[in-house]
Structures are given as structure tokens and as C-alpha cells.
Protein backbone atom coordinates (compact mmCIF):
# COMPACT_ATOMS: atom_id res chain seq x y z
CA MET A 1 0.20 -0.02 0.06
CA LYS A 2 1.13 3.58 -0.99
CA ALA A 3 -1.03 6.46 -0.04
CA ALA A 4 -0.98 10.10 -0.38
CA CYS A 5 -2.28 12.79 1.86
CA GLY A 6 -4.08 15.99 0.59
CA LEU A 7 -4.95 18.62 3.21
CA ASP A 8 -7.65 21.00 2.03
CA PHE A 9 -7.88 23.98 4.07
CA GLY A 10 -11.24 26.23 3.86
CA THR A 11 -13.04 28.79 5.21
CA GLU A 12 -14.55 26.76 7.96
CA SER A 13 -12.72 23.58 8.41
CA VAL A 14 -9.65 21.54 7.06
CA ARG A 15 -10.35 18.40 5.17
CA ALA A 16 -7.59 15.23 5.31
CA LEU A 17 -8.29 12.82 2.26
CA LEU A 18 -6.28 9.91 1.89
CA VAL A 19 -6.11 8.49 -1.38
CA ASP A 20 -3.93 5.43 -2.84
CA LEU A 21 -1.84 5.96 -6.01
CA ARG A 22 -4.82 4.33 -8.41
CA GLY A 23 -7.24 7.11 -7.10
CA ARG A 24 -9.06 5.14 -4.63
CA GLU A 25 -10.25 7.44 -1.90
CA LEU A 26 -9.64 5.69 1.38
CA ALA A 27 -10.81 8.04 4.08
CA ALA A 28 -11.96 11.80 4.00
CA VAL A 29 -12.16 13.70 7.26
CA ALA A 30 -13.24 17.29 7.96
CA VAL A 31 -12.42 18.99 11.04
CA ARG A 32 -14.06 22.37 11.92
CA TYR A 33 -11.62 24.91 13.32
CA THR A 34 -12.34 25.66 16.83
CA HIS A 35 -12.70 29.48 16.52
CA GLY A 36 -14.37 29.34 12.68
CA GLN A 37 -14.33 32.45 10.84
CA LEU A 38 -13.62 35.77 12.91
CA VAL A 39 -16.23 38.17 11.36
CA GLU A 40 -17.75 39.76 14.60
CA LYS A 41 -15.02 39.70 17.22
CA LEU A 42 -11.55 38.64 17.99
CA PRO A 43 -11.01 35.92 20.58
CA GLY A 44 -11.12 37.53 24.18
CA SER A 45 -12.49 41.05 22.69
CA GLU A 46 -15.89 42.53 23.00
CA ARG A 47 -15.31 44.98 20.31
CA ARG A 48 -17.25 44.38 17.09
CA LEU A 49 -15.41 43.96 13.68
CA PRO A 50 -16.38 46.22 10.69
CA ALA A 51 -18.52 44.27 8.40
CA SER A 52 -15.97 44.02 5.80
CA TYR A 53 -13.45 42.41 8.12
CA ALA A 54 -12.38 38.66 8.04
CA PHE A 55 -9.91 36.64 10.01
CA GLN A 56 -8.82 33.14 11.03
CA HIS A 57 -6.98 31.66 14.27
CA PRO A 58 -3.62 30.48 13.00
CA ARG A 59 -3.77 28.00 15.61
CA ASP A 60 -6.72 26.05 14.03
CA TRP A 61 -5.01 24.97 11.23
CA MET A 62 -2.46 22.66 12.59
CA GLU A 63 -4.71 21.50 15.31
CA ALA A 64 -7.54 20.52 12.94
CA ALA A 65 -4.80 19.33 10.64
CA GLY A 66 -3.51 16.96 13.15
CA ARG A 67 -7.04 15.81 14.33
CA ALA A 68 -8.15 15.13 10.84
CA VAL A 69 -5.15 13.24 9.48
CA ARG A 70 -4.91 10.91 12.74
CA LYS A 71 -8.71 10.11 12.54
CA ALA A 72 -8.44 9.31 8.94
CA LEU A 73 -5.32 6.97 9.60
CA ARG A 74 -7.40 5.05 12.25
CA GLN A 75 -10.31 4.80 10.05
CA THR A 76 -8.27 3.06 7.21
CA GLY A 77 -5.47 1.10 8.99
CA VAL A 78 -3.10 3.03 6.66
CA LYS A 79 0.46 3.13 8.24
CA PRO A 80 2.27 6.44 8.72
CA ALA A 81 5.24 4.60 6.88
CA GLU A 82 2.69 4.21 3.80
CA VAL A 83 1.83 7.78 3.07
CA VAL A 84 4.44 8.80 0.94
CA GLY A 85 3.64 12.25 0.55
CA VAL A 86 1.48 15.43 1.67
CA GLY A 87 -0.28 18.23 -0.48
CA VAL A 88 -1.63 21.45 0.70
CA ASP A 89 -3.94 23.58 -0.71
CA PHE A 90 -5.33 26.95 1.18
CA THR A 91 -8.03 29.77 0.72
CA SER A 92 -5.89 32.79 -1.04
CA CYS A 93 -5.30 35.36 -0.50
CA THR A 94 -5.17 34.59 3.21
CA MET A 95 -2.25 35.92 4.58
CA LEU A 96 -0.34 37.02 7.95
CA PRO A 97 2.14 38.69 9.27
CA CYS A 98 4.54 37.14 11.81
CA THR A 99 8.25 37.24 13.34
CA ALA A 100 11.32 35.79 11.58
CA GLU A 101 10.78 32.59 13.52
CA GLY A 102 7.30 32.02 12.18
CA VAL A 103 5.11 33.27 15.05
CA PRO A 104 2.19 34.94 14.17
CA LEU A 105 2.01 38.30 15.50
CA CYS A 106 -1.33 37.61 16.90
CA GLU A 107 -0.27 35.39 19.22
CA LEU A 108 1.77 37.99 20.93
CA PRO A 109 -0.11 39.47 23.91
CA ARG A 110 0.89 43.13 22.78
CA PHE A 111 -0.98 42.38 19.52
CA ALA A 112 -3.90 40.03 20.22
CA SER A 113 -6.38 42.98 20.42
CA GLU A 114 -5.14 44.54 17.04
CA PRO A 115 -7.08 43.08 14.11
CA MET A 116 -4.41 43.59 11.68
CA ALA A 117 -2.18 41.49 13.47
CA TRP A 118 -4.41 38.58 12.57
CA PRO A 119 -4.18 36.09 9.29
CA LYS A 120 -6.92 38.04 6.96
CA LEU A 121 -8.98 35.59 5.43
CA TRP A 122 -9.34 35.57 1.79
CA LYS A 123 -12.60 37.38 1.99
CA HIS A 124 -11.35 40.01 4.01
CA HIS A 125 -12.69 43.24 2.30
CA GLY A 126 -10.92 45.82 4.17
CA ALA A 127 -8.51 46.93 1.49
CA GLN A 128 -10.50 48.30 -1.23
CA ALA A 129 -8.80 51.94 -1.06
CA GLN A 130 -5.40 50.33 -1.50
CA ALA A 131 -6.35 48.24 -4.02
CA ASP A 132 -7.65 51.27 -5.95
CA ARG A 133 -4.39 53.06 -5.31
CA ILE A 134 -2.25 50.20 -6.34
CA ASN A 135 -4.10 50.20 -9.76
CA ALA A 136 -4.14 53.43 -10.27
CA VAL A 137 -0.33 54.00 -9.82
CA ALA A 138 0.19 50.98 -11.90
CA ARG A 139 -1.72 52.47 -14.82
CA GLU A 140 -0.09 55.64 -14.34
CA ARG A 141 3.41 54.25 -14.57
CA GLY A 142 2.41 51.96 -17.30
CA GLU A 143 3.30 48.58 -15.40
CA SER A 144 3.36 45.49 -17.50
CA PHE A 145 2.00 43.57 -14.69
CA LEU A 146 -1.56 44.69 -15.21
CA GLU A 147 -1.92 42.83 -18.51
CA ARG A 148 -1.59 39.39 -16.51
CA TYR A 149 -4.43 40.20 -14.33
CA GLY A 150 -7.06 41.54 -17.00
CA GLY A 151 -6.36 45.35 -16.36
CA GLY A 152 -6.36 45.56 -12.60
CA ILE A 153 -5.69 43.85 -9.25
CA GLY A 154 -8.62 42.96 -6.71
CA LEU A 155 -8.73 43.97 -2.74
CA GLU A 156 -8.56 40.55 -1.69
CA TRP A 157 -4.85 40.04 -2.85
CA PHE A 158 -1.47 40.25 -1.11
CA PHE A 159 -0.06 43.74 -1.46
CA PRO A 160 -3.62 45.57 -0.80
CA LYS A 161 -3.65 43.67 2.63
CA VAL A 162 -0.20 44.71 3.34
CA LEU A 163 -0.75 48.05 2.53
CA GLU A 164 -3.79 48.26 4.51
CA THR A 165 -1.96 47.05 7.60
CA ILE A 166 0.69 49.78 6.93
CA GLU A 167 -1.75 52.36 6.88
CA ARG A 168 -4.34 51.06 9.65
CA ALA A 169 -1.78 49.63 11.96
CA PRO A 170 1.45 51.00 11.42
CA ARG A 171 2.76 49.69 14.57
CA VAL A 172 1.93 46.01 13.69
CA ALA A 173 3.39 46.85 10.26
CA ALA A 174 6.62 47.76 11.54
CA ALA A 175 6.85 44.65 13.96
CA ALA A 176 5.79 42.35 10.90
CA GLU A 177 9.32 40.69 10.01
CA LEU A 178 7.62 38.46 7.38
CA TRP A 179 4.59 38.53 5.42
CA LEU A 180 3.39 35.09 4.38
CA GLU A 181 0.42 33.71 2.45
CA ALA A 182 -1.33 31.23 4.68
CA GLY A 183 -0.72 28.27 2.68
CA ASP A 184 3.35 29.08 2.44
CA TRP A 185 3.05 29.46 6.35
CA LEU A 186 1.41 26.20 6.89
CA VAL A 187 4.13 24.26 4.43
CA TRP A 188 6.77 26.14 6.61
CA GLN A 189 5.55 24.56 9.73
CA LEU A 190 5.21 21.13 8.19
CA VAL A 191 8.87 21.13 7.31
CA GLY A 192 9.91 23.10 10.08
CA GLY A 193 13.48 24.80 10.18
CA GLY A 194 14.23 28.48 9.90
CA ALA A 195 13.78 31.19 7.42
CA ASP A 196 16.21 29.13 4.78
CA CYS A 197 13.66 26.37 4.79
CA LEU A 198 10.80 28.72 3.65
CA VAL A 199 9.19 28.18 0.27
CA ARG A 200 6.80 30.37 -1.63
CA SER A 201 4.27 28.85 -4.11
CA THR A 202 4.46 30.11 -7.54
CA CYS A 203 0.51 29.39 -7.67
CA GLN A 204 -0.20 31.87 -4.43
CA ALA A 205 2.58 34.43 -5.48
CA GLY A 206 1.54 34.47 -9.25
CA TYR A 207 -2.14 34.76 -8.71
CA LYS A 208 -2.53 37.02 -5.54
CA GLY A 209 0.97 38.59 -5.17
CA MET A 210 1.68 40.07 -9.07
CA TRP A 211 4.62 37.67 -9.24
CA SER A 212 5.94 36.18 -12.40
CA ALA A 213 8.89 33.86 -13.59
CA GLU A 214 10.15 36.37 -16.04
CA GLY A 215 9.92 39.50 -13.44
CA GLY A 216 9.46 38.34 -10.33
CA PHE A 217 7.43 40.69 -7.65
CA PRO A 218 6.73 44.27 -8.47
CA SER A 219 9.82 46.71 -8.25
CA GLU A 220 10.89 48.48 -5.33
CA GLU A 221 10.36 51.44 -7.48
CA PHE A 222 6.83 50.76 -8.30
CA LEU A 223 5.95 49.90 -4.65
CA GLY A 224 7.63 53.09 -3.32
CA ALA A 225 5.73 55.07 -5.47
CA VAL A 226 2.43 53.44 -4.00
CA HIS A 227 3.56 54.28 -0.57
CA PRO A 228 7.07 54.82 0.96
CA ARG A 229 6.71 52.01 3.46
CA LEU A 230 5.62 49.47 0.78
CA ALA A 231 8.91 50.05 -1.08
CA ARG A 232 11.07 47.53 0.81
CA VAL A 233 8.67 44.97 1.67
CA VAL A 234 9.85 42.46 -1.01
CA VAL A 235 13.37 42.97 -0.30
CA GLU A 236 13.05 42.84 3.78
CA LYS A 237 10.22 40.90 4.50
CA MET A 238 9.52 38.39 1.87
CA PRO A 239 12.11 35.70 1.30
CA GLY A 240 11.88 32.56 0.41
CA ARG A 241 12.55 29.88 -2.37
CA LEU A 242 9.78 30.11 -5.14
CA LEU A 243 8.49 26.39 -6.04
CA ALA A 244 5.66 25.37 -8.27
CA PRO A 245 3.10 22.87 -6.73
CA GLY A 246 3.91 19.41 -6.75
CA MET A 247 7.84 20.04 -6.04
CA ALA A 248 9.07 19.31 -2.73
CA ALA A 249 9.31 21.62 -0.14
CA GLY A 250 11.06 19.37 2.13
CA GLY A 251 9.97 16.44 4.51
CA LEU A 252 7.62 16.43 7.32
CA SER A 253 9.81 17.60 10.92
CA ALA A 254 9.90 15.46 13.97
CA LEU A 255 7.22 17.90 15.59
CA ALA A 256 4.96 18.16 12.60
CA ALA A 257 5.20 14.29 11.98
CA LYS A 258 4.05 13.95 15.71
CA GLN A 259 1.18 16.12 15.12
CA LEU A 260 -0.18 14.74 11.99
CA GLY A 261 0.67 11.17 13.43
CA LEU A 262 2.75 10.55 10.08
CA ARG A 263 6.46 9.60 9.44
CA GLN A 264 9.12 12.44 9.71
CA GLY A 265 10.93 12.98 6.51
CA THR A 266 7.57 12.51 4.59
CA ALA A 267 7.46 14.72 1.27
CA VAL A 268 5.65 17.94 1.68
CA SER A 269 4.62 19.75 -1.91
CA ALA A 270 4.82 23.58 -2.17
CA ALA A 271 1.00 24.83 -1.50
CA ILE A 272 -1.71 25.48 -4.11
CA ILE A 273 -4.70 27.57 -3.94
CA ASP A 274 -7.57 25.46 -2.92
CA ALA A 275 -9.73 26.09 -6.18
CA HIS A 276 -6.59 25.65 -8.33
CA ALA A 277 -5.90 22.13 -6.58
CA GLY A 278 -9.42 21.15 -8.10
CA VAL A 279 -7.80 21.10 -11.79
CA PRO A 280 -5.66 18.18 -11.32
CA GLY A 281 -8.49 16.87 -8.63
CA ALA A 282 -10.95 17.03 -11.74
CA GLY A 283 -8.79 14.96 -13.78
CA ALA A 284 -8.08 17.81 -16.06
CA SER A 285 -4.51 17.82 -17.40
CA GLU A 286 -5.07 18.90 -20.79
CA PRO A 287 -5.46 22.27 -22.15
CA GLY A 288 -8.85 23.69 -22.99
CA THR A 289 -10.79 22.22 -20.10
CA LEU A 290 -12.69 24.82 -17.77
CA VAL A 291 -12.61 23.31 -14.10
CA MET A 292 -15.22 25.16 -12.18
CA VAL A 293 -14.51 24.76 -8.36
CA LEU A 294 -17.99 25.91 -7.05
CA GLY A 295 -18.00 26.14 -3.35
CA THR A 296 -18.31 29.21 -1.06
CA SER A 297 -17.10 31.38 -3.74
CA ALA A 298 -16.39 30.03 -7.44
CA CYS A 299 -13.01 29.59 -9.23
CA HIS A 300 -13.05 28.80 -12.84
CA MET A 301 -9.70 27.84 -14.28
CA LEU A 302 -8.27 26.15 -17.08
CA ASN A 303 -4.70 25.54 -18.86
CA ALA A 304 -3.58 26.59 -22.45
CA HIS A 305 -0.38 26.42 -24.33
CA ALA A 306 -0.41 30.30 -24.98
CA GLU A 307 -0.65 33.27 -22.85
CA ARG A 308 -3.31 35.56 -23.88
CA HIS A 309 -4.12 39.07 -22.16
CA VAL A 310 -7.81 39.17 -21.40
CA PRO A 311 -9.53 42.25 -19.99
CA GLY A 312 -11.25 41.05 -16.88
CA VAL A 313 -9.37 37.58 -16.49
CA ALA A 314 -7.88 37.50 -12.38
CA GLY A 315 -4.66 36.16 -13.79
CA VAL A 316 -2.41 34.24 -16.29
CA VAL A 317 0.47 32.40 -14.50
CA LYS A 318 3.19 30.29 -16.24
CA ASP A 319 3.08 26.98 -14.55
CA GLY A 320 0.45 28.42 -12.04
CA ILE A 321 -1.86 25.31 -11.97
CA LEU A 322 0.16 22.45 -13.73
CA PRO A 323 3.81 22.56 -15.37
CA GLY A 324 4.23 23.12 -18.99
CA PHE A 325 0.99 25.28 -19.40
CA TYR A 326 -0.42 28.77 -18.96
CA GLY A 327 -2.97 28.75 -16.24
CA TYR A 328 -5.84 31.03 -16.36
CA GLU A 329 -7.89 31.80 -13.14
CA THR A 330 -11.34 33.77 -13.16
CA GLY A 331 -13.93 33.49 -10.35
CA GLN A 332 -17.03 34.60 -8.79
CA ALA A 333 -16.98 36.16 -5.38
CA ALA A 334 -20.13 34.96 -3.90
CA VAL A 335 -21.97 31.67 -4.73
CA GLY A 336 -22.60 29.13 -2.20
CA ASP A 337 -22.18 32.02 0.18
CA ALA A 338 -24.79 33.65 -1.77
CA PHE A 339 -27.21 30.74 -1.54
CA ASP A 340 -26.57 30.44 2.17
CA TRP A 341 -27.16 33.99 2.72
CA LEU A 342 -30.61 33.09 1.11
CA ASP A 343 -31.48 30.44 2.90
CA ARG A 344 -30.82 32.10 6.12
CA ILE A 345 -32.89 35.43 5.39
CA THR A 346 -35.87 33.13 4.13
CA GLY A 347 -35.76 31.03 7.02
CA ARG A 348 -36.61 28.03 4.85
CA GLY A 349 -34.14 25.44 6.45
CA GLY A 350 -32.13 24.08 3.83
CA LEU A 351 -31.02 24.62 0.33
CA GLY A 352 -32.12 21.03 -0.73
CA ALA A 353 -35.84 21.85 -0.36
CA LEU A 354 -35.41 25.24 -2.14
CA GLY A 355 -33.69 23.72 -5.00
CA LYS A 356 -36.43 21.38 -5.62
CA LEU A 357 -39.00 23.90 -5.62
CA ALA A 358 -36.73 26.28 -8.06
CA ALA A 359 -36.23 23.17 -10.39
CA LYS A 360 -40.01 23.63 -11.11
CA LEU A 361 -39.97 27.10 -12.00
CA PRO A 362 -39.53 27.99 -15.58
CA THR A 363 -36.29 29.92 -17.13
CA GLY A 364 -36.66 33.45 -15.77
CA ALA A 365 -38.03 32.63 -12.64
CA ASP A 366 -41.42 34.25 -13.26
CA GLY A 367 -39.97 37.57 -14.08
CA VAL A 368 -37.54 37.71 -10.89
CA ARG A 369 -34.04 39.04 -12.02
CA CYS A 370 -30.79 39.03 -10.07
CA VAL A 371 -27.24 40.39 -10.32
CA ASP A 372 -25.30 38.21 -8.35
CA TRP A 373 -22.39 40.63 -6.90
CA PHE A 374 -23.36 39.93 -3.01
CA GLY A 375 -19.67 39.72 -2.33
CA GLY A 376 -18.42 42.19 -4.97
CA CYS A 377 -17.60 41.08 -8.74
CA ARG A 378 -14.48 39.36 -9.23
CA THR A 379 -14.46 38.46 -13.01
CA PRO A 380 -14.72 40.21 -15.27
CA LEU A 381 -14.92 43.82 -13.43
CA MET A 382 -12.69 43.26 -10.27
CA ASP A 383 -14.66 45.45 -8.02
CA GLY A 384 -15.33 44.35 -4.63
CA GLY A 385 -17.39 47.32 -3.81
CA LEU A 386 -19.98 46.26 -6.54
CA ARG A 387 -23.22 45.01 -4.69
CA GLY A 388 -25.92 42.52 -5.95
CA MET A 389 -29.65 43.28 -6.64
CA PHE A 390 -32.91 41.78 -7.13
CA SER A 391 -35.58 43.21 -9.51
CA GLY A 392 -39.02 42.24 -10.98
CA LEU A 393 -40.15 41.23 -7.50
CA ALA A 394 -44.30 41.28 -6.82
CA LEU A 395 -46.26 39.90 -4.23
CA HIS A 396 -47.03 36.42 -5.21
CA HIS A 397 -43.21 35.68 -5.52
CA GLU A 398 -41.80 33.11 -2.84
CA PRO A 399 -38.22 32.50 -1.80
CA ALA A 400 -38.15 29.50 -4.40
CA HIS A 401 -38.21 32.68 -6.99
CA LEU A 402 -35.35 34.49 -5.65
CA TYR A 403 -33.53 31.34 -5.27
CA ARG A 404 -33.88 30.25 -8.72
CA ALA A 405 -33.19 33.96 -9.96
CA LEU A 406 -30.07 33.78 -7.92
CA LEU A 407 -28.83 30.45 -9.05
CA GLU A 408 -29.62 31.79 -13.10
CA ALA A 409 -27.43 35.02 -12.42
CA THR A 410 -24.62 32.68 -11.30
CA ALA A 411 -24.84 30.75 -14.40
CA CYS A 412 -25.29 33.85 -16.09
CA GLY A 413 -21.87 35.16 -14.88
CA LEU A 414 -20.15 31.78 -15.71
CA ARG A 415 -21.15 32.35 -19.28
CA TRP A 416 -19.84 36.31 -19.35
CA ILE A 417 -16.45 34.69 -18.22
CA VAL A 418 -16.76 31.94 -21.27
CA GLU A 419 -17.53 34.68 -23.83
CA LEU A 420 -14.38 36.68 -22.43
CA LEU A 421 -12.16 33.82 -22.65
CA ARG A 422 -13.30 32.97 -26.01
CA GLU A 423 -13.15 36.35 -27.33
CA GLY A 424 -9.56 36.73 -26.03
CA GLY A 425 -8.30 33.79 -28.15
CA VAL A 426 -8.31 31.29 -25.30
CA PRO A 427 -9.71 27.74 -26.14
CA VAL A 428 -12.60 26.56 -24.04
CA GLU A 429 -13.76 23.32 -25.29
CA ARG A 430 -14.98 21.22 -22.35
CA PHE A 431 -16.49 22.11 -18.73
CA VAL A 432 -15.84 19.97 -15.44
CA ALA A 433 -17.50 20.95 -12.46
CA THR A 434 -16.12 19.85 -8.87
CA GLY A 435 -16.44 21.22 -5.26
CA GLY A 436 -19.44 20.76 -2.89
CA LEU A 437 -22.25 22.50 -4.80
CA PRO A 438 -22.28 20.23 -7.77
CA HIS A 439 -22.67 16.98 -5.57
CA HIS A 440 -25.53 18.66 -3.69
CA SER A 441 -27.47 20.62 -5.90
CA PRO A 442 -27.83 18.61 -9.33
CA GLU A 443 -30.61 21.73 -10.17
CA ALA A 444 -27.85 24.03 -10.15
CA MET A 445 -25.96 22.03 -12.53
CA GLN A 446 -28.67 21.77 -14.71
CA VAL A 447 -29.30 25.47 -14.91
CA TYR A 448 -25.57 26.04 -15.66
CA ALA A 449 -25.69 23.61 -18.58
CA ASP A 450 -28.86 25.40 -20.03
CA VAL A 451 -27.46 28.90 -19.67
CA LEU A 452 -24.21 27.75 -21.24
CA GLY A 453 -25.45 25.79 -23.69
CA GLU A 454 -22.95 23.02 -23.05
CA TYR A 455 -22.47 19.68 -21.45
CA VAL A 456 -21.03 19.99 -17.85
CA GLY A 457 -19.52 16.94 -16.54
CA VAL A 458 -19.32 16.49 -12.44
CA HIS A 459 -16.46 14.98 -11.24
CA PRO A 460 -17.16 11.87 -8.99
CA SER A 461 -15.13 12.89 -6.05
CA GLN A 462 -16.71 15.14 -3.92
CA HIS A 463 -13.22 16.32 -2.61
CA GLY A 464 -11.85 17.70 -5.72
CA PRO A 465 -9.19 20.04 -3.86
CA ALA A 466 -8.33 17.69 -1.48
CA LEU A 467 -7.70 15.14 -4.25
CA GLY A 468 -5.59 17.66 -6.25
CA SER A 469 -3.48 18.21 -3.47
CA ALA A 470 -2.95 14.55 -2.63
CA ILE A 471 -1.55 14.12 -6.48
CA LEU A 472 0.64 16.79 -5.77
CA GLY A 473 1.92 15.11 -2.75
CA ALA A 474 2.40 12.10 -4.66
CA LEU A 475 4.27 14.14 -7.18
CA ALA A 476 6.47 15.63 -4.63
CA ALA A 477 7.27 12.17 -3.15
CA GLY A 478 8.62 11.12 -6.91
CA GLU A 479 6.27 8.69 -7.44
CA PHE A 480 5.23 9.91 -10.93
CA ALA A 481 7.35 11.56 -13.65
CA SER A 482 4.95 13.93 -14.57
CA ALA A 483 1.76 15.86 -13.46
CA GLY A 484 0.19 14.48 -16.09
CA GLU A 485 0.98 10.80 -15.38
CA ALA A 486 -0.04 11.72 -11.75
CA VAL A 487 -3.59 13.12 -12.49
CA GLU A 488 -4.25 10.23 -15.11
CA ALA A 489 -3.48 7.59 -12.77
CA MET A 490 -5.33 9.42 -9.95
CA ALA A 491 -8.28 11.15 -10.82
CA VAL A 492 -9.19 10.62 -14.38
CA PRO A 493 -12.93 9.03 -13.83
CA ARG A 494 -13.40 5.49 -14.89
CA SER A 495 -16.02 4.79 -17.50
CA GLY A 496 -19.01 6.13 -16.55
CA GLY A 497 -17.79 7.86 -13.61
CA ALA A 498 -18.96 11.29 -14.19
CA ARG A 499 -22.40 12.45 -14.31
CA VAL A 500 -22.91 14.81 -17.24
CA PHE A 501 -25.62 17.52 -17.51
CA ARG A 502 -26.92 18.16 -21.11
CA PRO A 503 -28.82 21.47 -22.03
CA ARG A 504 -32.51 20.73 -22.24
CA ARG A 505 -34.38 20.95 -25.48
CA GLY A 506 -36.04 24.10 -26.04
CA SER A 507 -34.02 26.13 -23.16
CA ARG A 508 -31.73 27.68 -25.76
CA ALA A 509 -34.08 30.84 -26.66
CA ALA A 510 -35.31 31.53 -22.93
CA CYS A 511 -31.51 31.34 -21.93
CA ASP A 512 -30.33 33.45 -24.52
CA ALA A 513 -32.64 36.28 -23.40
CA LEU A 514 -32.09 35.59 -19.86
CA TYR A 515 -28.46 36.40 -20.23
CA ALA A 516 -28.89 39.50 -22.81
CA GLU A 517 -31.30 40.77 -19.85
CA TYR A 518 -28.57 40.16 -17.20
CA ARG A 519 -25.91 41.91 -18.90
CA ARG A 520 -28.09 44.63 -19.32
CA LEU A 521 -28.59 44.92 -15.72
CA ALA A 522 -25.15 44.50 -14.92
CA GLY A 523 -24.11 47.24 -17.26
CA PHE A 524 -26.71 49.65 -15.53
CA PHE A 525 -25.69 48.64 -11.96
CA SER A 526 -21.98 48.82 -12.26
CA GLY A 527 -21.94 51.95 -14.66
CA ARG A 528 -19.84 49.94 -17.23
């Protein structure tokens, strides 16, 4: 027996997946973080946080991962020595300031009550003004990196969050000796050692930190033009080797091996963004396949042979997802989050019941329309300040109409993304969905197929990102000669393994009209 372990760090919990090298999933264990999301107040504080703030507790990550891996080992009887590699995916950009030894500043008593000392969760939206300034200075200076990100970066990214700390909490910024993505910090804790053992993921750096293999991070001159105290951040506070996902960052330290219940020295892969791990996890190792990772938010990614600069696309990174390709990232900021919000405010007690009622409604939700920007708009407008809306409501409408309209809006948002890619010369030939939503809501996948006018396959694994991470762990251990070989062996569904949703007959005209109206509303409410 040889197995790999994928650690999938999400918004509320971590999942440990044990899978053998033929792709058989042996155990999947999810453990919720003790502190969950810190969106109302910090531990030990009664002061309410602003609505745009979202943090996590760094102690939760390793504690929950240890519980999950040890339980998975007990369930399967897999011996620690049989686990050849560990892969890590993490929400991004989730990032934190820490000391040179890797201690998060929030764990120091003098900073425990300071919000900016805590890890900023990906959905932390406090840095809009800082993102706007970075974009304005970059355009003014003609910085070439903007082309790789569709013309602008987002407020959820690395440098806006660093700048937010510099401006809101200069004492914290001055004390920060290192700025790290949480995925890189976690991998560092797994392999141990000092700053010389620190590895930064090219995936996280490329998609959220404006890094490229050719040019590195943004220049000191540019950063200094944004803010004098930002100028030396890369040089002085961002050390580390940059490695692609699937490359070995090191072996498990004695302490980490004890915490996880694994063997010391087990290979650990460089981190990958959680959604991006869904690409190998969905069995997609060839170009032209759009992998839709549908969960709290939605990330839509694909590999291509050529680099194209497409306005509104969130990032194009060489070797950003799998070696040998240019990886394209697009996304929608609120999907599962928006559905959960709707269920909560309508008091219907579960999306399953709403989904079944909504499936009985005709295309167009009986006149109810929606723009799905309840967490801002990621692709194509890259504006976290935009807000969602419903229109066309009348007294006879019920929660199912709202649910149907929201679902159709997210599908229209995806269709807009696909059109952008194709118009920009990026081939999109096949659609595969993974993540929690495709398995829990077949009604949603049917609406997606109808609105896209395309076949949509759902990968059989319910743990796509965790499976992708496990594949990268096996690759880091040297068990496969290439990423394509690893994906083929561990994630490509056997015959009949994937469920396929086909556009329903007669749906095309209604969906085209719905999409045209969505675009008109989006233009009106964004002013673009």
C-alpha cells in the first residue's frame, strides 16, 4: 500500500483525504476550526469588527489538521510509513504577518487585540482603497504586470492587504518581520527549520502577489511610488524559495510528524490555492478544459498552451496550475455564500428544499431577475465594492423564485466569463465541475448546462481540491514522472464515473434572452 494525503484548508474547516496511487479514496475527514471565521469579534475581545473584516486563528490550522489526519489513519488502518507525500491547498489570498521565526503576530500578547495582526481571510474586504491606489499607480506608470490580471488587481490580494496594515496599524506593520500567504506559512510549519527552509508557492505568488517567473514581484520603485513604507517589503520581509505546486518543499519535521501522526521526512509539496487544486483533482491535465470549482465562492480555471491577455481575467501564470501550461484563473466572489445567505434570510431551513422548488419554475424565475454581486464582482470587473440586487419582485413571488433567480444569475456570470475567454483567443472546449455545490445541487448543474448551452460533467470525487492536493503530494514524493501521469493515474474517472448534464431541449432561446437581460442589468448597476 502506498497512499498520499491531501490537506484542504477551507473557510470553516480542514479536510484530510487519504487516497492510494490508483485514485481510490480511502478516507476523508473534515474537522471544523475551533474559532471558525472571526468576522464579529476577536478572541477575548468584545469590540465588534467592521462588516468588511474577516480573520482566522492560525492555531486552528495545525490543530484541526492533526485531528483530521490521525482520524483518517485510524479509519483506514493505513500505516504512517505508507503515506508517501502530503499536499496542501489553502484559501487565497489568506495572509498573515509574523516574526522571523514564524510566530504569527496575533499570538504575541501586545498584538492580540489588534485586528491587523491576525491572518486576513481571503474574503477580508478592508483593502478596497489600497487596491484602488495600487491599480491607479500601476496604470499611471504603465506597469506591465497589469496585463496578466485583466487590467487590475483585487482587494482580496496580497499587497493591498499589506498596505492596509501599513496604513491602519503602522505598529503592527513595523513589527512584521515576514509577510506570508497562509498556505506557505502552513507548509513552513510542516517542514520546520528557519527562514532558509521557507518556500513560497508560485501559484499563490503568481495569482495573488503579482509575481511572474520572468519579472519576479513588483519592483521596489513601483511599490515605493504606491507608499514609501511598501517599497522595501519584498526585499526585507518576503524571503523564500519559489517552487511550483508538486515540487518538494521538504520533509515533515519531527514535531509536525508527531502532530499529524505521520512519518518524519514524508515529502511535502509546495502549497497550491484551494480552487486551483481542483484542476488536477477534477482529472484535467489537458488544455481547454474549464474546471469550475464551486463552493463558497467560484473559481473557474483552465490550462492553455499560449499566454493571452484578456481584460477582466483574474490572472494568467506560467506553470501556475500545472507545469507546461499557462494557467488562467477567473472567478465569482459569492456563490455558495450567496445561497446560504438567501436560505438564512428566508428561513427555509435548507437549500435542498429550495432547490427542488426552484427546479419546477420556468427559466426566468417568473420575472424575478438578479445580479449576483453579493460579495462584489471578481471577473470580469474586479470590483469588490459592487453589490448585488433583485428586481421584478411582486407579492406572489416566494423564496424559490429568489433562489432560482440567484442561481440563474451565477450561471449568467459564468457564461460572461466563458465569452471573455473565447473572445480573447483562449480555447474553452470542455466543462467539468467539482466542489461541494455540484454534488449537493443537481438542479444548479442543470441550470448551468442550460445557460451555457454546453455539456457539464461533474467529477465523481466530492473532494476535488483535496484530491488534487494528494496528487501533488505524490508528485513531490517522486512517485510519478510528470503531473499528467499523476493526474491520469489518480483522478481521471473510469468509464461512466462522471455524471454529465446536457442542455435541455427548447431551453436555448429563453436562456439567451435571460443572459442578454443579465448583461443589461450588470451594465446599468456597474455603470460600465
